[in-house]
Structures are given as structure tokens and as C-alpha cells.
C-alpha atoms as a PDB file:
ATOM      1  CA  MET A   1      -5.152   9.996  34.083  1.00  0.00           C
ATOM      2  CA  SER A   2      -1.833   9.141  35.158  1.00  0.00           C
ATOM      3  CA  LEU A   3       1.178   8.424  32.649  1.00  0.00           C
ATOM      4  CA  GLN A   4       1.460   4.930  33.826  1.00  0.00           C
ATOM      5  CA  ILE A   5      -2.144   4.192  32.930  1.00  0.00           C
ATOM      6  CA  GLN A   6      -1.858   5.975  29.632  1.00  0.00           C
ATOM      7  CA  LEU A   7       1.146   3.768  28.607  1.00  0.00           C
ATOM      8  CA  CYS A   8      -0.682   0.505  29.739  1.00  0.00           C
ATOM      9  CA  LEU A   9      -3.661   1.514  27.624  1.00  0.00           C
ATOM     10  CA  LEU A  10      -1.437   2.297  24.737  1.00  0.00           C
ATOM     11  CA  PHE A  11       0.311  -1.130  24.917  1.00  0.00           C
ATOM     12  CA  LEU A  12      -3.211  -2.877  25.407  1.00  0.00           C
ATOM     13  CA  ILE A  13      -4.646  -1.268  22.330  1.00  0.00           C
ATOM     14  CA  GLN A  14      -1.609  -2.154  20.269  1.00  0.00           C
ATOM     15  CA  HIS A  15      -1.990  -5.744  21.537  1.00  0.00           C
ATOM     16  CA  LEU A  16      -5.718  -5.921  20.806  1.00  0.00           C
ATOM     17  CA  CYS A  17      -5.861  -4.188  17.443  1.00  0.00           C
ATOM     18  CA  ARG A  18      -3.051  -5.975  15.513  1.00  0.00           C
ATOM     19  CA  VAL A  19      -3.318  -5.855  11.614  1.00  0.00           C
ATOM     20  CA  ASP A  20      -3.324  -9.016   9.909  1.00  0.00           C
ATOM     21  CA  ALA A  21      -0.457  -9.162   7.300  1.00  0.00           C
ATOM     22  CA  ASN A  22      -2.464 -11.485   4.971  1.00  0.00           C
ATOM     23  CA  VAL A  23      -4.962  -8.886   3.882  1.00  0.00           C
ATOM     24  CA  LYS A  24      -8.097 -10.281   2.531  1.00  0.00           C
ATOM     25  CA  LEU A  25     -10.238  -7.228   2.202  1.00  0.00           C
ATOM     26  CA  GLN A  26      -9.893  -6.069  -1.336  1.00  0.00           C
ATOM     27  CA  GLN A  27     -10.425  -2.616  -2.655  1.00  0.00           C
ATOM     28  CA  LYS A  28      -9.570  -0.864  -6.018  1.00  0.00           C
ATOM     29  CA  ILE A  29      -6.424   1.096  -6.072  1.00  0.00           C
ATOM     30  CA  SER A  30      -8.038   4.549  -6.835  1.00  0.00           C
ATOM     31  CA  SER A  31     -11.345   6.213  -7.910  1.00  0.00           C
ATOM     32  CA  THR A  32     -11.519   9.403  -9.777  1.00  0.00           C
ATOM     33  CA  LYS A  33     -14.725  11.481  -9.716  1.00  0.00           C
ATOM     34  CA  SER A  34     -15.767  15.082 -10.560  1.00  0.00           C
ATOM     35  CA  LYS A  35     -17.391  17.510  -7.866  1.00  0.00           C
ATOM     36  CA  ASP A  36     -21.180  16.981  -7.142  1.00  0.00           C
ATOM     37  CA  LYS A  37     -21.080  13.495  -8.451  1.00  0.00           C
ATOM     38  CA  THR A  38     -21.733  10.364  -6.541  1.00  0.00           C
ATOM     39  CA  VAL A  39     -18.987   7.800  -5.734  1.00  0.00           C
ATOM     40  CA  VAL A  40     -19.322   4.182  -4.629  1.00  0.00           C
ATOM     41  CA  ILE A  41     -15.945   2.525  -3.276  1.00  0.00           C
ATOM     42  CA  ASP A  42     -16.207  -1.078  -3.082  1.00  0.00           C
ATOM     43  CA  CYS A  43     -15.065  -3.461  -0.384  1.00  0.00           C
ATOM     44  CA  HIS A  44     -14.925  -7.242  -1.111  1.00  0.00           C
ATOM     45  CA  PHE A  45     -14.640  -8.889   2.370  1.00  0.00           C
ATOM     46  CA  PRO A  46     -14.066 -12.526   3.366  1.00  0.00           C
ATOM     47  CA  SER A  47     -16.588 -14.816   5.048  1.00  0.00           C
ATOM     48  CA  ASN A  48     -14.757 -14.669   8.358  1.00  0.00           C
ATOM     49  CA  CYS A  49     -15.406 -10.945   8.967  1.00  0.00           C
ATOM     50  CA  ASN A  50     -17.325 -10.590  12.228  1.00  0.00           C
ATOM     51  CA  ARG A  51     -20.731  -8.839  12.025  1.00  0.00           C
ATOM     52  CA  TYR A  52     -19.608  -5.482  11.036  1.00  0.00           C
ATOM     53  CA  ILE A  53     -17.630  -3.664   8.216  1.00  0.00           C
ATOM     54  CA  HIS A  54     -15.897  -0.399   9.439  1.00  0.00           C
ATOM     55  CA  TRP A  55     -14.860   2.368   7.119  1.00  0.00           C
ATOM     56  CA  TYR A  56     -11.977   4.779   7.690  1.00  0.00           C
ATOM     57  CA  GLN A  57     -10.690   8.023   6.189  1.00  0.00           C
ATOM     58  CA  LEU A  58      -7.211   9.050   6.063  1.00  0.00           C
ATOM     59  CA  LYS A  59      -5.999  12.558   4.726  1.00  0.00           C
ATOM     60  CA  GLU A  60      -2.670  13.611   4.338  1.00  0.00           C
ATOM     61  CA  GLY A  61      -1.137  14.951   7.647  1.00  0.00           C
ATOM     62  CA  GLN A  62      -4.209  13.853   9.626  1.00  0.00           C
ATOM     63  CA  THR A  63      -4.866  10.846  11.827  1.00  0.00           C
ATOM     64  CA  LEU A  64      -7.138   7.835  10.722  1.00  0.00           C
ATOM     65  CA  LYS A  65     -10.904   8.652  11.501  1.00  0.00           C
ATOM     66  CA  ARG A  66     -13.609   6.183  11.382  1.00  0.00           C
ATOM     67  CA  ILE A  67     -16.600   7.111   9.023  1.00  0.00           C
ATOM     68  CA  LEU A  68     -19.023   4.465  10.009  1.00  0.00           C
ATOM     69  CA  TYR A  69     -19.644   0.807  10.783  1.00  0.00           C
ATOM     70  CA  SER A  70     -22.393  -1.195   8.959  1.00  0.00           C
ATOM     71  CA  SER A  71     -23.889  -4.663   9.784  1.00  0.00           C
ATOM     72  CA  ILE A  72     -22.944  -7.367   7.181  1.00  0.00           C
ATOM     73  CA  ALA A  73     -26.290  -9.060   7.965  1.00  0.00           C
ATOM     74  CA  ASP A  74     -28.779  -6.420   7.220  1.00  0.00           C
ATOM     75  CA  GLY A  75     -26.752  -3.253   6.417  1.00  0.00           C
ATOM     76  CA  SER A  76     -27.838  -1.225   9.495  1.00  0.00           C
ATOM     77  CA  THR A  77     -25.378   1.687   9.442  1.00  0.00           C
ATOM     78  CA  TYR A  78     -24.055   3.899  12.447  1.00  0.00           C
ATOM     79  CA  ASN A  79     -22.252   6.979  11.370  1.00  0.00           C
ATOM     80  CA  ASP A  80     -19.710   8.644  13.415  1.00  0.00           C
ATOM     81  CA  VAL A  81     -19.974  12.448  14.143  1.00  0.00           C
ATOM     82  CA  GLY A  82     -19.103  14.556  11.105  1.00  0.00           C
ATOM     83  CA  PHE A  83     -19.867  11.826   8.562  1.00  0.00           C
ATOM     84  CA  GLU A  84     -23.580  11.757   8.655  1.00  0.00           C
ATOM     85  CA  SER A  85     -23.869  12.183   4.847  1.00  0.00           C
ATOM     86  CA  PHE A  86     -21.856   9.066   4.120  1.00  0.00           C
ATOM     87  CA  LYS A  87     -23.989   5.925   3.319  1.00  0.00           C
ATOM     88  CA  VAL A  88     -23.218   2.294   2.493  1.00  0.00           C
ATOM     89  CA  ASP A  89     -24.284  -0.018  -0.504  1.00  0.00           C
ATOM     90  CA  ASN A  90     -24.655  -3.519   0.798  1.00  0.00           C
ATOM     91  CA  LYS A  91     -24.272  -6.218  -1.845  1.00  0.00           C
ATOM     92  CA  HIS A  92     -23.093  -9.887  -1.347  1.00  0.00           C
ATOM     93  CA  GLU A  93     -19.786 -10.033   0.133  1.00  0.00           C
ATOM     94  CA  ASN A  94     -19.304  -6.113  -0.955  1.00  0.00           C
ATOM     95  CA  LEU A  95     -20.127  -3.565   1.604  1.00  0.00           C
ATOM     96  CA  ALA A  96     -19.433  -0.347  -0.364  1.00  0.00           C
ATOM     97  CA  LEU A  97     -19.001   3.105   0.940  1.00  0.00           C
ATOM     98  CA  LYS A  98     -21.310   5.668  -1.031  1.00  0.00           C
ATOM     99  CA  ILE A  99     -20.397   9.347  -0.848  1.00  0.00           C
ATOM    100  CA  PRO A 100     -22.957  11.634  -2.555  1.00  0.00           C
ATOM    101  CA  GLU A 101     -22.486  15.265  -3.889  1.00  0.00           C
ATOM    102  CA  LEU A 102     -18.751  15.123  -3.778  1.00  0.00           C
ATOM    103  CA  LYS A 103     -16.647  17.902  -2.597  1.00  0.00           C
ATOM    104  CA  LYS A 104     -12.759  18.525  -2.987  1.00  0.00           C
ATOM    105  CA  GLU A 105     -12.474  17.991   0.746  1.00  0.00           C
ATOM    106  CA  HIS A 106     -13.638  14.356   0.337  1.00  0.00           C
ATOM    107  CA  SER A 107     -10.295  13.640  -1.522  1.00  0.00           C
ATOM    108  CA  ALA A 108      -8.520  11.050   0.730  1.00  0.00           C
ATOM    109  CA  MET A 109      -7.586   7.443   1.419  1.00  0.00           C
ATOM    110  CA  TYR A 110     -10.447   5.074   2.421  1.00  0.00           C
ATOM    111  CA  TYR A 111      -9.960   1.885   4.171  1.00  0.00           C
ATOM    112  CA  CYS A 112     -12.542  -0.662   5.106  1.00  0.00           C
ATOM    113  CA  ALA A 113     -11.890  -3.128   7.932  1.00  0.00           C
ATOM    114  CA  CYS A 114     -13.396  -5.824   9.971  1.00  0.00           C
ATOM    115  CA  TRP A 115     -12.633  -7.927  13.284  1.00  0.00           C
ATOM    116  CA  VAL A 116     -11.921 -11.557  12.344  1.00  0.00           C
ATOM    117  CA  SER A 117     -14.240 -14.032  13.934  1.00  0.00           C
ATOM    118  CA  GLY A 118     -12.851 -16.103  16.744  1.00  0.00           C
ATOM    119  CA  SER A 119      -9.701 -13.817  17.095  1.00  0.00           C
ATOM    120  CA  ARG A 120      -8.571 -10.420  18.354  1.00  0.00           C
ATOM    121  CA  ILE A 121      -7.280  -9.225  14.969  1.00  0.00           C
ATOM    122  CA  LYS A 122      -8.605  -6.387  13.028  1.00  0.00           C
ATOM    123  CA  ARG A 123      -8.068  -6.826   9.356  1.00  0.00           C
ATOM    124  CA  PHE A 124      -7.747  -3.767   6.936  1.00  0.00           C
ATOM    125  CA  GLY A 125      -8.377  -3.446   3.354  1.00  0.00           C
ATOM    126  CA  THR A 126      -5.856  -2.375   0.769  1.00  0.00           C
ATOM    127  CA  GLY A 127      -7.248   1.214   0.590  1.00  0.00           C
ATOM    128  CA  THR A 128      -8.711   3.247  -2.090  1.00  0.00           C
ATOM    129  CA  ARG A 129      -7.500   6.800  -3.042  1.00  0.00           C
ATOM    130  CA  LEU A 130     -10.434   9.044  -3.894  1.00  0.00           C
ATOM    131  CA  ILE A 131      -9.617  11.857  -6.298  1.00  0.00           C
ATOM    132  CA  VAL A 132     -12.136  14.630  -6.619  1.00  0.00           C
ATOM    133  CA  THR A 133     -11.692  16.786  -9.664  1.00  0.00           C
ATOM    134  CA  ASP A 134     -13.384  19.920 -11.131  1.00  0.00           C
ATOM    135  CA  GLN A 135     -16.531  19.115 -12.923  1.00  0.00           C
ATOM    136  CA  GLY A 136     -16.094  17.353 -16.181  1.00  0.00           C
ATOM    137  CA  LYS A 137     -12.507  16.368 -15.550  1.00  0.00           C
ATOM    138  CA  ASP A 138     -12.871  12.934 -14.147  1.00  0.00           C
ATOM    139  CA  THR A 139     -11.462  11.289 -17.385  1.00  0.00           C
ATOM    140  CA  THR A 140      -8.791   8.715 -16.421  1.00  0.00           C
ATOM    141  CA  LYS A 141      -5.836   7.826 -18.686  1.00  0.00           C
ATOM    142  CA  SER A 142      -4.276   4.303 -18.601  1.00  0.00           C
ATOM    143  CA  PRO A 143      -0.632   4.094 -18.293  1.00  0.00           C
ATOM    144  CA  THR A 144       2.003   2.934 -20.830  1.00  0.00           C
ATOM    145  CA  LEU A 145       3.825  -0.225 -19.532  1.00  0.00           C
ATOM    146  CA  THR A 146       7.430  -0.648 -20.716  1.00  0.00           C
ATOM    147  CA  ALA A 147       9.519  -3.843 -19.729  1.00  0.00           C
ATOM    148  CA  TYR A 148      13.263  -4.051 -20.197  1.00  0.00           C
ATOM    149  CA  LEU A 149      15.051  -7.333 -20.893  1.00  0.00           C
ATOM    150  CA  PRO A 150      17.414  -8.441 -18.096  1.00  0.00           C
ATOM    151  CA  THR A 151      20.749  -6.489 -17.456  1.00  0.00           C
ATOM    152  CA  THR A 152      23.536  -8.057 -15.355  1.00  0.00           C
ATOM    153  CA  LYS A 153      25.902  -6.068 -13.011  1.00  0.00           C
ATOM    154  CA  GLU A 154      29.469  -6.765 -12.092  1.00  0.00           C
ATOM    155  CA  SER A 155      28.168  -7.864  -8.639  1.00  0.00           C
ATOM    156  CA  GLY A 156      26.529 -10.837 -10.020  1.00  0.00           C
ATOM    157  CA  LYS A 157      23.014  -9.372  -9.691  1.00  0.00           C
ATOM    158  CA  GLN A 158      20.470  -9.166 -12.453  1.00  0.00           C
ATOM    159  CA  THR A 159      17.865  -6.636 -12.807  1.00  0.00           C
ATOM    160  CA  ARG A 160      14.550  -6.755 -14.609  1.00  0.00           C
ATOM    161  CA  ILE A 161      12.773  -3.484 -15.012  1.00  0.00           C
ATOM    162  CA  CYS A 162       9.032  -2.528 -15.445  1.00  0.00           C
ATOM    163  CA  GLN A 163       8.192   1.217 -16.107  1.00  0.00           C
ATOM    164  CA  ALA A 164       4.723   3.003 -16.124  1.00  0.00           C
ATOM    165  CA  THR A 165       4.408   6.442 -17.653  1.00  0.00           C
ATOM    166  CA  ASP A 166       1.681   8.911 -19.025  1.00  0.00           C
ATOM    167  CA  MET A 167      -1.089   8.024 -16.921  1.00  0.00           C
ATOM    168  CA  PHE A 168      -3.901   9.859 -14.739  1.00  0.00           C
ATOM    169  CA  PRO A 169      -4.181   9.292 -11.939  1.00  0.00           C
ATOM    170  CA  ASP A 170      -0.527   8.511 -11.207  1.00  0.00           C
ATOM    171  CA  LEU A 171      -1.329   5.915  -8.361  1.00  0.00           C
ATOM    172  CA  VAL A 172      -0.211   2.365  -9.608  1.00  0.00           C
ATOM    173  CA  LYS A 173       0.937  -0.809  -8.122  1.00  0.00           C
ATOM    174  CA  PHE A 174       3.437  -3.334  -9.410  1.00  0.00           C
ATOM    175  CA  ASN A 175       3.632  -7.019  -8.516  1.00  0.00           C
ATOM    176  CA  TRP A 176       6.100  -9.551  -9.626  1.00  0.00           C
ATOM    177  CA  LYS A 177       5.629 -13.203  -9.949  1.00  0.00           C
ATOM    178  CA  LYS A 178       7.999 -16.113 -11.022  1.00  0.00           C
ATOM    179  CA  LYS A 179       7.007 -19.211 -12.735  1.00  0.00           C
ATOM    180  CA  SER A 180       7.850 -22.234 -10.754  1.00  0.00           C
ATOM    181  CA  ASN A 181       8.972 -25.849 -12.117  1.00  0.00           C
ATOM    182  CA  THR A 182       5.518 -26.860 -11.656  1.00  0.00           C
ATOM    183  CA  GLY A 183       4.237 -24.221 -13.975  1.00  0.00           C
ATOM    184  CA  ASP A 184       2.619 -22.196 -11.046  1.00  0.00           C
ATOM    185  CA  TRP A 185       3.156 -18.377 -10.687  1.00  0.00           C
ATOM    186  CA  THR A 186       4.341 -17.405  -7.290  1.00  0.00           C
ATOM    187  CA  ASP A 187       4.828 -13.902  -5.894  1.00  0.00           C
ATOM    188  CA  VAL A 188       8.440 -12.608  -5.579  1.00  0.00           C
ATOM    189  CA  SER A 189       9.499 -11.172  -2.146  1.00  0.00           C
ATOM    190  CA  GLU A 190       9.175  -7.292  -1.768  1.00  0.00           C
ATOM    191  CA  ASP A 191      12.722  -7.437  -0.430  1.00  0.00           C
ATOM    192  CA  ASN A 192      14.089  -8.114  -3.986  1.00  0.00           C
ATOM    193  CA  VAL A 193      12.081  -5.152  -5.461  1.00  0.00           C
ATOM    194  CA  VAL A 194      13.053  -1.537  -5.473  1.00  0.00           C
ATOM    195  CA  GLU A 195      10.449   1.209  -6.642  1.00  0.00           C
ATOM    196  CA  GLN A 196      11.263   4.620  -7.706  1.00  0.00           C
ATOM    197  CA  ARG A 197       8.927   7.570  -8.709  1.00  0.00           C
ATOM    198  CA  ASN A 198       9.777  10.507 -10.790  1.00  0.00           C
ATOM    199  CA  VAL A 199       7.318  13.655 -10.256  1.00  0.00           C
ATOM    200  CA  ASP A 200       7.606  15.679 -13.599  1.00  0.00           C
ATOM    201  CA  PRO A 201       7.019  13.993 -15.820  1.00  0.00           C
ATOM    202  CA  VAL A 202       5.468  11.219 -13.793  1.00  0.00           C
ATOM    203  CA  ILE A 203       7.394   7.951 -14.077  1.00  0.00           C
ATOM    204  CA  VAL A 204       6.961   4.992 -11.796  1.00  0.00           C
ATOM    205  CA  THR A 205       9.615   2.349 -12.140  1.00  0.00           C
ATOM    206  CA  SER A 206       9.815  -1.124 -10.557  1.00  0.00           C
ATOM    207  CA  ILE A 207      13.242  -3.001 -10.384  1.00  0.00           C
ATOM    208  CA  LEU A 208      13.458  -6.609  -9.610  1.00  0.00           C
ATOM    209  CA  ILE A 209      16.911  -7.581  -8.421  1.00  0.00           C
ATOM    210  CA  VAL A 210      17.862 -11.416  -8.587  1.00  0.00           C
ATOM    211  CA  ASP A 211      20.965 -13.459  -8.525  1.00  0.00           C
ATOM    212  CA  GLN A 212      22.026 -14.112 -12.157  1.00  0.00           C
ATOM    213  CA  TYR A 213      23.502 -17.571 -11.247  1.00  0.00           C
ATOM    214  CA  THR A 214      20.199 -18.798  -9.878  1.00  0.00           C
ATOM    215  CA  ALA A 215      17.904 -16.846 -12.223  1.00  0.00           C
ATOM    216  CA  GLY A 216      19.005 -18.772 -15.354  1.00  0.00           C
ATOM    217  CA  GLU A 217      16.021 -18.994 -17.866  1.00  0.00           C
ATOM    218  CA  ASP A 218      13.423 -18.421 -15.137  1.00  0.00           C
ATOM    219  CA  LEU A 219      10.308 -16.607 -16.261  1.00  0.00           C
ATOM    220  CA  TYR A 220       9.306 -13.414 -14.285  1.00  0.00           C
ATOM    221  CA  GLN A 221       6.114 -11.674 -14.841  1.00  0.00           C
ATOM    222  CA  CYS A 222       5.440  -7.944 -14.127  1.00  0.00           C
ATOM    223  CA  THR A 223       1.822  -6.863 -13.398  1.00  0.00           C
ATOM    224  CA  LEU A 224       0.715  -3.289 -13.197  1.00  0.00           C
ATOM    225  CA  THR A 225      -2.551  -2.439 -11.531  1.00  0.00           C
ATOM    226  CA  TYR A 226      -4.211   1.053 -12.150  1.00  0.00           C
ATOM    227  CA  GLU A 227      -7.565   2.637 -11.996  1.00  0.00           C
ATOM    228  CA  GLY A 228      -9.770   0.864 -14.509  1.00  0.00           C
ATOM    229  CA  GLY A 229      -7.526  -1.995 -15.468  1.00  0.00           C
ATOM    230  CA  MET A 230      -4.317  -4.061 -15.359  1.00  0.00           C
ATOM    231  CA  LYS A 231      -1.470  -4.892 -17.727  1.00  0.00           C
ATOM    232  CA  GLN A 232       1.150  -7.716 -17.531  1.00  0.00           C
ATOM    233  CA  LYS A 233       4.442  -8.369 -19.145  1.00  0.00           C
ATOM    234  CA  THR A 234       6.547 -11.596 -18.991  1.00  0.00           C
ATOM    235  CA  LEU A 235      10.317 -11.262 -19.013  1.00  0.00           C
ATOM    236  CA  GLN A 236      12.870 -14.115 -19.847  1.00  0.00           C
ATOM    237  CA  ASN A 237      16.360 -14.116 -20.658  1.00  0.00           C
ATOM    238  CA  ASP A 238      17.465 -14.414 -24.335  1.00  0.00           C
ATOM    239  CA  LYS A 239      13.863 -14.318 -25.630  1.00  0.00           C
ATOM    240  CA  ASP A 240      12.401 -12.417 -28.662  1.00  0.00           C
ATOM    241  CA  PRO A 241      11.240  -9.035 -27.296  1.00  0.00           C
ATOM    242  CA  ALA A 242       8.486  -9.010 -29.938  1.00  0.00           C
ATOM    243  CA  ASN A 243       6.509 -11.535 -27.788  1.00  0.00           C
ATOM    244  CA  ASN A 244       4.514  -8.876 -26.010  1.00  0.00           C
ATOM    245  CA  ASN A 245       1.387  -8.749 -24.156  1.00  0.00           C
ATOM    246  CA  GLU A 246      -1.254  -6.188 -25.111  1.00  0.00           C
ATOM    247  CA  GLY A 247      -0.504  -2.796 -23.944  1.00  0.00           C
ATOM    248  CA  ALA A 248       2.839  -3.369 -23.081  1.00  0.00           C
ATOM    249  CA  THR A 249       6.166  -2.864 -24.826  1.00  0.00           C
ATOM    250  CA  VAL A 250       9.708  -4.534 -24.282  1.00  0.00           C
ATOM    251  CA  LYS A 251      13.034  -2.868 -24.911  1.00  0.00           C
ATOM    252  CA  PRO A 252      16.133  -4.840 -25.330  1.00  0.00           C
ATOM    253  CA  THR A 253      18.385  -2.710 -22.949  1.00  0.00           C
ATOM    254  CA  CYS A 254      17.684  -0.136 -20.261  1.00  0.00           C
ATOM    255  CA  SER A 255      19.423   2.757 -22.121  1.00  0.00           C
ATOM    256  CA  PRO A 256      17.502   5.768 -20.916  1.00  0.00           C
ATOM    257  CA  ASP A 257      15.782   8.066 -23.451  1.00  0.00           C
ATOM    258  CA  ASN A 258      14.560  11.454 -22.732  1.00  0.00           C
ATOM    259  CA  LYS A 259      11.718  10.216 -20.541  1.00  0.00           C
ATOM    260  CA  THR A 260      13.911   7.960 -18.368  1.00  0.00           C
ATOM    261  CA  SER A 261      16.880  10.197 -18.124  1.00  0.00           C
ATOM    262  CA  THR A 262      15.457  11.475 -14.831  1.00  0.00           C
ATOM    263  CA  ILE A 263      15.415   8.035 -13.305  1.00  0.00           C
ATOM    264  CA  GLN A 264      18.642   7.301 -11.583  1.00  0.00           C
ATOM    265  CA  ILE A 265      19.674   4.115  -9.677  1.00  0.00           C
ATOM    266  CA  SER A 266      22.375   5.023  -7.229  1.00  0.00           C
ATOM    267  CA  GLY A 267      24.759   2.498  -5.851  1.00  0.00           C
ATOM    268  CA  SER A 268      25.037  -1.345  -6.508  1.00  0.00           C
ATOM    269  CA  SER A 269      22.171  -3.722  -6.322  1.00  0.00           C
ATOM    270  CA  ASP A 270      23.934  -5.891  -3.729  1.00  0.00           C
ATOM    271  CA  GLN A 271      23.783  -3.061  -1.305  1.00  0.00           C
ATOM    272  CA  ILE A 272      20.035  -3.348  -1.267  1.00  0.00           C
ATOM    273  CA  PRO A 273      19.750  -6.160   1.500  1.00  0.00           C
ATOM    274  CA  SER A 274      22.160  -4.024   3.689  1.00  0.00           C
ATOM    275  CA  LEU A 275      19.878  -1.096   3.307  1.00  0.00           C
ATOM    276  CA  TYR A 276      17.054  -3.162   4.587  1.00  0.00           C
ATOM    277  CA  LEU A 277      19.097  -4.323   7.492  1.00  0.00           C
ATOM    278  CA  PHE A 278      20.082  -0.771   8.412  1.00  0.00           C
ATOM    279  CA  VAL A 279      16.416   0.338   8.418  1.00  0.00           C
ATOM    280  CA  TYR A 280      15.531  -2.647  10.496  1.00  0.00           C
ATOM    281  CA  ALA A 281      18.420  -1.915  12.968  1.00  0.00           C
ATOM    282  CA  TYR A 282      17.515   1.789  13.246  1.00  0.00           C
ATOM    283  CA  GLY A 283      13.786   1.046  13.838  1.00  0.00           C
ATOM    284  CA  VAL A 284      14.843  -1.322  16.730  1.00  0.00           C
ATOM    285  CA  MET A 285      17.288   1.449  18.052  1.00  0.00           C
ATOM    286  CA  LEU A 286      14.376   3.922  18.000  1.00  0.00           C
ATOM    287  CA  MET A 287      11.977   1.610  19.773  1.00  0.00           C
ATOM    288  CA  LYS A 288      14.609   0.927  22.467  1.00  0.00           C
ATOM    289  CA  ASN A 289      15.004   4.662  23.051  1.00  0.00           C
ATOM    290  CA  GLY A 290      11.427   5.344  23.200  1.00  0.00           C
ATOM    291  CA  VAL A 291      10.993   2.484  26.020  1.00  0.00           C
ATOM    292  CA  TYR A 292      13.984   3.833  27.899  1.00  0.00           C
ATOM    293  CA  PHE A 293      12.500   7.349  27.723  1.00  0.00           C
ATOM    294  CA  CYS A 294       9.040   6.246  29.141  1.00  0.00           C
ATOM    295  CA  ALA A 295      10.936   4.345  31.990  1.00  0.00           C
ATOM    296  CA  VAL A 296      12.926   7.243  33.039  1.00  0.00           C
ATOM    297  CA  LEU A 297       9.949   9.550  32.722  1.00  0.00           C
ATOM    298  CA  ILE A 298       7.909   7.277  35.097  1.00  0.00           C
ATOM    299  CA  VAL A 299      10.752   7.229  37.657  1.00  0.00           C
ATOM    300  CA  LEU A 300      11.099  10.810  37.751  1.00  0.00           C
ATOM    301  CA  LEU A 301       7.319  11.439  38.109  1.00  0.00           C
ATOM    302  CA  LYS A 302       7.262   8.845  40.889  1.00  0.00           C
ATOM    303  CA  ARG A 303      10.247  10.746  42.501  1.00  0.00           C
ATOM    304  CA  LYS A 304       8.435  14.156  42.278  1.00  0.00           C
ATOM    305  CA  VAL A 305       5.236  12.680  43.906  1.00  0.00           C
ATOM    306  CA  GLY A 306       7.372  11.208  46.695  1.00  0.00           C
ATOM    307  CA  ASN A 307       9.140  14.651  47.210  1.00  0.00           C
ATOM    308  CA  LYS A 308       5.592  16.287  47.426  1.00  0.00           C
ATOM    309  CA  LYS A 309       4.396  13.834  50.008  1.00  0.00           C
ATOM    310  CA  GLU A 310       7.617  14.243  52.228  1.00  0.00           C
ATOM    311  CA  SER A 311       7.251  18.011  52.032  1.00  0.00           C
ATOM    312  CA  ALA A 312       3.627  17.889  52.967  1.00  0.00           C
END
């Protein structure tokens, strides 16, 4: 197959297999099981999924591999080569992946996906990390959620911090919401959130950066999702820190103790938008360089073929 045809096929696949940004297939963040047990990984899908649910496996350092696809209507399942032992559990709007007799090599990320009816969009789920442990060691530990009251920087930015510690597994997800004037909670843009992870001990910190002049007395809610549950904490300026949600603590300042001393925030918070702009510009530059390289390579190959014809 010529290079030109390969490039055309690549662009065609990218066009046809776009991933919808509004993910509607819902999965748990992680699942921990010991060897030789059976795990069931749920996939709650919307009604506009077309005919089949596809399941994929992603191991670190490897490419995404499809495991199987199964009919939404009757659960008929078609396994890909090498995944014959994988099964499905077909429930109402939940086509779960079932893996019996777990082995350590089953540890991976698992994604469900479907084609959206009436479109050329393939929609992927949020993904579930499967952690296979030694026998009898599949006990999970819920995190401790600590929230810090707002602090103001000289740049006019204000930070609100939520921190998760002392958990297993260490895969957690933060979500920030703001209470509107109508009383509804709306999602905060991820552009205003910075997340940092410390390895030993495991500490995951989510930092919300807002303008102190527009924040005022706004209420912000930090939600932590982890395997087996969810914890929330609401943060507001000049409020009594004793008003906590269950399972969460609030500290009036962000002075680091022994656990948080390894977490360092470098630079001023007003540099964050510039960082995102730099990453975007760098990505565009890499894309342009890739297109230019392909174009030059095609020209050189055509010239080489032309020279061969002339010499013949």
C-alpha cells in the first residue's frame, strides 16, 4: 500500500471515528478484585447507542485493543481473538463486561463505547481501571477529604483547595461546581483547575483558581469520586469551617503540615492561562510540522519513482 493511500485512510478514520466530547456512557472510576475472582464492570449507556456496545482494553504502554462487541437487543456477543474468556452481563441500559478467574495481567483500563444513532460519532465511556491484587487483598480504603478555605494571592487570584489522602486505590476524580444566582449548581471550567499528585505518600490535590473580585461570597462545591463512594465539601468566604459535610474536614488556612509539605505550587496562579496557551500553540506547531513532513516525504517518493521510470 502506497504512502499516499495510507495517509488518506488515516485521515478518513480520524474523521469517521470522532469521539464525542459530551460523554454519556457512565462507568465507575475503578474496581479492585483479588486473583481468581470474577469482576463485573458496568457500562450505563444512553438510549441513542446504535445496536452494539463495544468493550476495549488499554494497558500501560500498549495500544487500545477491542475485546468484544455485544448486541444491545439480545446480548449476542462476538469476541475478538485472544479475549475468548471475556463475557457480558446484559441488563437494562447496562451492558457490563464480565471477567472470570482474574489474573494479574487483566489489570488495565476498560472502556465501553458505541456508535451514536444517526451519526458517524463513536462515543466512549469514562473508563474503569481494574486492579487485580493478590488473593485476600482486595480491601479498599476510602480517602480522607480535606478542604481549605479561600486564600488570596497578590495577583488578585483566589484559590480554593481540596485534598485527598490515605486511600486505596489511589485513583480519584475531583469535580468543582459553583452555585448560581438561581440556586443551581453548575460545573466549573477545567481551565480554572490545577491538579497535583504526590506519590509517597499518595496525596492528590485539586486547586480551583478564581478572580477574587468576581468570586465574592460565591459558593463552590468540591466533589471527590472514588471506588465505592463519593464525598463533597462546600467552600465559601468568611464562613464557619465547622459547617462540614460528612467525611470531610475544613482547615482555615493552607499552611502545610507534615503530609502536605511535599506538595508545592510553583509560580503565580495568573500564569495558568498562559501555560494552557503555550501548550495549545505547541500542539498546533507539532501538527503543522507533521503535515509538512508528510508532504515533503510524498514529493520525495514521487520524485524517486519518476527517476526510476526515466532510467528504465
